[in-house]
C-alpha atoms as a PDB file:
ATOM      1  CA  HIS A   1       0.000   0.000   0.000  1.00  0.00           C
ATOM      2  CA  SER A   2       1.155   3.515  -0.679  1.00  0.00           C
ATOM      3  CA  VAL A   3      -0.680   5.460   1.983  1.00  0.00           C
ATOM      4  CA  GLY A   4       1.921   7.999   2.876  1.00  0.00           C
ATOM      5  CA  GLY A   5       2.579   9.840  -0.357  1.00  0.00           C
ATOM      6  CA  PHE A   6      -0.084  12.374   0.458  1.00  0.00           C
ATOM      7  CA  LEU A   7       1.448  12.870   3.915  1.00  0.00           C
ATOM      8  CA  ILE A   8       4.787  13.853   2.417  1.00  0.00           C
ATOM      9  CA  ALA A   9       3.073  16.170  -0.064  1.00  0.00           C
ATOM     10  CA  LEU A  10       1.090  17.674   2.771  1.00  0.00           C
ATOM     11  CA  MET A  11       4.267  18.364   4.709  1.00  0.00           C
ATOM     12  CA  LEU A  12       6.209  19.788   1.771  1.00  0.00           C
ATOM     13  CA  VAL A  13       3.548  21.746  -0.054  1.00  0.00           C
ATOM     14  CA  GLY A  14       1.213  22.579   2.817  1.00  0.00           C
ATOM     15  CA  ALA A  15      -2.501  22.202   3.031  1.00  0.00           C
ATOM     16  CA  GLN A  16      -4.632  24.122   0.595  1.00  0.00           C
ATOM     17  CA  GLN A  17      -8.343  24.608   0.553  1.00  0.00           C
ATOM     18  CA  PRO A  18     -10.125  22.394  -1.971  1.00  0.00           C
ATOM     19  CA  ALA A  19     -11.301  24.063  -5.155  1.00  0.00           C
ATOM     20  CA  ALA A  20     -14.956  23.163  -4.563  1.00  0.00           C
ATOM     21  CA  GLU A  21     -17.124  25.164  -2.184  1.00  0.00           C
ATOM     22  CA  ALA A  22     -16.447  23.874   1.317  1.00  0.00           C
ATOM     23  CA  ARG A  23     -19.305  22.777   3.559  1.00  0.00           C
ATOM     24  CA  CYS A  24     -19.236  22.536   7.349  1.00  0.00           C
ATOM     25  CA  GLU A  25     -21.346  19.584   8.426  1.00  0.00           C
ATOM     26  CA  PRO A  26     -21.857  17.378  11.509  1.00  0.00           C
ATOM     27  CA  ILE A  27     -19.618  14.301  11.646  1.00  0.00           C
ATOM     28  CA  VAL A  28     -22.007  11.386  11.279  1.00  0.00           C
ATOM     29  CA  ASP A  29     -20.558   8.772   8.907  1.00  0.00           C
ATOM     30  CA  VAL A  30     -16.832   8.957   9.700  1.00  0.00           C
ATOM     31  CA  VAL A  31     -16.822   6.451  12.548  1.00  0.00           C
ATOM     32  CA  TYR A  32     -13.186   7.026  13.525  1.00  0.00           C
ATOM     33  CA  CYS A  33     -13.787  10.761  13.915  1.00  0.00           C
ATOM     34  CA  THR A  34     -16.952  10.875  16.003  1.00  0.00           C
ATOM     35  CA  ASP A  35     -14.987  11.107  19.283  1.00  0.00           C
ATOM     36  CA  VAL A  36     -12.001  13.310  18.362  1.00  0.00           C
ATOM     37  CA  GLY A  37     -13.170  16.357  20.273  1.00  0.00           C
ATOM     38  CA  TYR A  38     -15.083  18.290  17.618  1.00  0.00           C
ATOM     39  CA  GLU A  39     -18.484  17.790  16.033  1.00  0.00           C
ATOM     40  CA  ASN A  40     -18.262  19.308  12.535  1.00  0.00           C
ATOM     41  CA  CYS A  41     -16.037  18.644   9.551  1.00  0.00           C
ATOM     42  CA  SER A  42     -15.273  20.483   6.339  1.00  0.00           C
ATOM     43  CA  LEU A  43     -15.899  18.781   2.998  1.00  0.00           C
ATOM     44  CA  PRO A  44     -14.590  18.473   0.415  1.00  0.00           C
ATOM     45  CA  ASN A  45     -11.342  17.791   2.251  1.00  0.00           C
ATOM     46  CA  ILE A  46      -7.795  18.366   0.991  1.00  0.00           C
ATOM     47  CA  ARG A  47      -7.822  14.832  -0.429  1.00  0.00           C
ATOM     48  CA  GLY A  48     -10.839  15.694  -2.596  1.00  0.00           C
ATOM     49  CA  HIS A  49     -13.435  13.566  -0.791  1.00  0.00           C
ATOM     50  CA  GLU A  50     -16.914  15.005  -1.218  1.00  0.00           C
ATOM     51  CA  THR A  51     -18.811  12.802   1.257  1.00  0.00           C
ATOM     52  CA  GLN A  52     -18.241  11.356   4.698  1.00  0.00           C
ATOM     53  CA  LEU A  53     -18.937   7.873   3.321  1.00  0.00           C
ATOM     54  CA  ASP A  54     -16.049   8.345   0.868  1.00  0.00           C
ATOM     55  CA  VAL A  55     -13.838   9.394   3.777  1.00  0.00           C
ATOM     56  CA  GLN A  56     -14.830   6.368   5.875  1.00  0.00           C
ATOM     57  CA  THR A  57     -14.185   4.023   2.932  1.00  0.00           C
ATOM     58  CA  GLU A  58     -10.659   5.356   2.388  1.00  0.00           C
ATOM     59  CA  LEU A  59      -9.842   5.268   6.102  1.00  0.00           C
ATOM     60  CA  ASN A  60     -11.000   1.641   6.239  1.00  0.00           C
ATOM     61  CA  ASP A  61      -9.149   0.659   3.067  1.00  0.00           C
ATOM     62  CA  GLN A  62      -5.879   2.461   3.752  1.00  0.00           C
ATOM     63  CA  PHE A  63      -5.477   2.839   7.513  1.00  0.00           C
ATOM     64  CA  GLU A  64      -7.520   0.233   9.363  1.00  0.00           C
ATOM     65  CA  LEU A  65      -4.451  -1.914  10.096  1.00  0.00           C
ATOM     66  CA  LEU A  66      -2.566   1.008  11.597  1.00  0.00           C
ATOM     67  CA  ILE A  67      -5.557   2.237  13.568  1.00  0.00           C
ATOM     68  CA  LYS A  68      -6.177  -1.202  15.069  1.00  0.00           C
ATOM     69  CA  ASP A  69      -2.449  -1.606  15.741  1.00  0.00           C
ATOM     70  CA  GLY A  70      -2.360   1.616  17.746  1.00  0.00           C
ATOM     71  CA  CYS A  71       1.091   2.617  16.484  1.00  0.00           C
ATOM     72  CA  SER A  72       0.499   6.202  17.627  1.00  0.00           C
ATOM     73  CA  ASN A  73      -1.738   7.753  20.231  1.00  0.00           C
ATOM     74  CA  ALA A  74      -2.287  10.612  17.752  1.00  0.00           C
ATOM     75  CA  LEU A  75      -2.966   8.608  14.570  1.00  0.00           C
ATOM     76  CA  VAL A  76      -6.759   8.904  14.598  1.00  0.00           C
ATOM     77  CA  HIS A  77      -6.634  12.597  15.455  1.00  0.00           C
ATOM     78  CA  PHE A  78      -4.178  13.186  12.610  1.00  0.00           C
ATOM     79  CA  LEU A  79      -6.213  11.199  10.086  1.00  0.00           C
ATOM     80  CA  CYS A  80      -9.351  13.058  11.106  1.00  0.00           C
ATOM     81  CA  SER A  81      -7.562  16.391  10.732  1.00  0.00           C
ATOM     82  CA  VAL A  82      -6.773  15.426   7.126  1.00  0.00           C
ATOM     83  CA  TYR A  83      -9.920  13.553   6.116  1.00  0.00           C
ATOM     84  CA  ALA A  84     -12.584  15.229   8.303  1.00  0.00           C
ATOM     85  CA  PRO A  85     -10.989  18.550   9.312  1.00  0.00           C
ATOM     86  CA  PHE A  86     -12.495  20.732  12.013  1.00  0.00           C
ATOM     87  CA  CYS A  87     -14.726  23.596  10.981  1.00  0.00           C
ATOM     88  CA  SER A  88     -17.002  26.082  12.672  1.00  0.00           C
ATOM     89  CA  GLY A  89     -19.081  28.254  10.398  1.00  0.00           C
ATOM     90  CA  ASP A  90     -16.664  29.670   7.825  1.00  0.00           C
ATOM     91  CA  PHE A  91     -13.556  28.760   9.854  1.00  0.00           C
ATOM     92  CA  ARG A  92     -11.583  25.740   8.585  1.00  0.00           C
ATOM     93  CA  LEU A  93      -8.640  24.225  10.441  1.00  0.00           C
ATOM     94  CA  GLN A  94      -6.044  22.498   8.264  1.00  0.00           C
ATOM     95  CA  PRO A  95      -3.773  19.626   9.375  1.00  0.00           C
ATOM     96  CA  CYS A  96      -0.731  20.431  11.469  1.00  0.00           C
ATOM     97  CA  LYS A  97       2.758  19.607  10.190  1.00  0.00           C
ATOM     98  CA  ASN A  98       4.039  18.784  13.694  1.00  0.00           C
ATOM     99  CA  LEU A  99       1.226  16.288  14.212  1.00  0.00           C
ATOM    100  CA  CYS A 100       2.066  14.694  10.853  1.00  0.00           C
ATOM    101  CA  LEU A 101       5.740  14.405  11.778  1.00  0.00           C
ATOM    102  CA  TYR A 102       4.917  12.910  15.185  1.00  0.00           C
ATOM    103  CA  VAL A 103       2.590  10.284  13.710  1.00  0.00           C
ATOM    104  CA  ARG A 104       5.136   9.491  11.025  1.00  0.00           C
ATOM    105  CA  SER A 105       7.887   8.950  13.593  1.00  0.00           C
ATOM    106  CA  THR A 106       5.725   6.640  15.678  1.00  0.00           C
ATOM    107  CA  CYS A 107       3.988   4.694  12.881  1.00  0.00           C
ATOM    108  CA  ALA A 108       6.685   4.385  10.189  1.00  0.00           C
ATOM    109  CA  PRO A 109       8.230   1.218  11.723  1.00  0.00           C
ATOM    110  CA  ARG A 110       4.839  -0.520  11.799  1.00  0.00           C
ATOM    111  CA  MET A 111       4.093   0.608   8.260  1.00  0.00           C
ATOM    112  CA  VAL A 112       7.269  -1.143   7.105  1.00  0.00           C
ATOM    113  CA  GLU A 113       6.161  -4.307   8.902  1.00  0.00           C
ATOM    114  CA  PHE A 114       2.754  -4.066   7.187  1.00  0.00           C
ATOM    115  CA  ASN A 115       4.478  -3.512   3.809  1.00  0.00           C
ATOM    116  CA  MET A 116       3.115   0.029   3.573  1.00  0.00           C
ATOM    117  CA  SER A 117       5.238   2.901   2.330  1.00  0.00           C
ATOM    118  CA  TRP A 118       5.380   6.317   3.937  1.00  0.00           C
END
């Protein structure tokens, strides 16, 4: 699996708002993100997902092994900040580079074991 390419791009290029009109909506269908400390997410996200079901599908397909493994205490929060980022009204919060680097440092060894590339 190549799950980390977007993480590197995110770190190097920085997060940009999606081209489509962003919506702030209650987190309902992104199971991993219902308990991260905020209630609303902005879609489309920086990965281009338009719906929460699309987000949940990608999280299941690409990250379920790492999430279940628990390689980082911040993994779910980081993934939610990328895939279901916090919003309040017109305010959108983009992913944090330091959080990305922390998760990378704690999960990279497990990703190698799972034959996933960063």
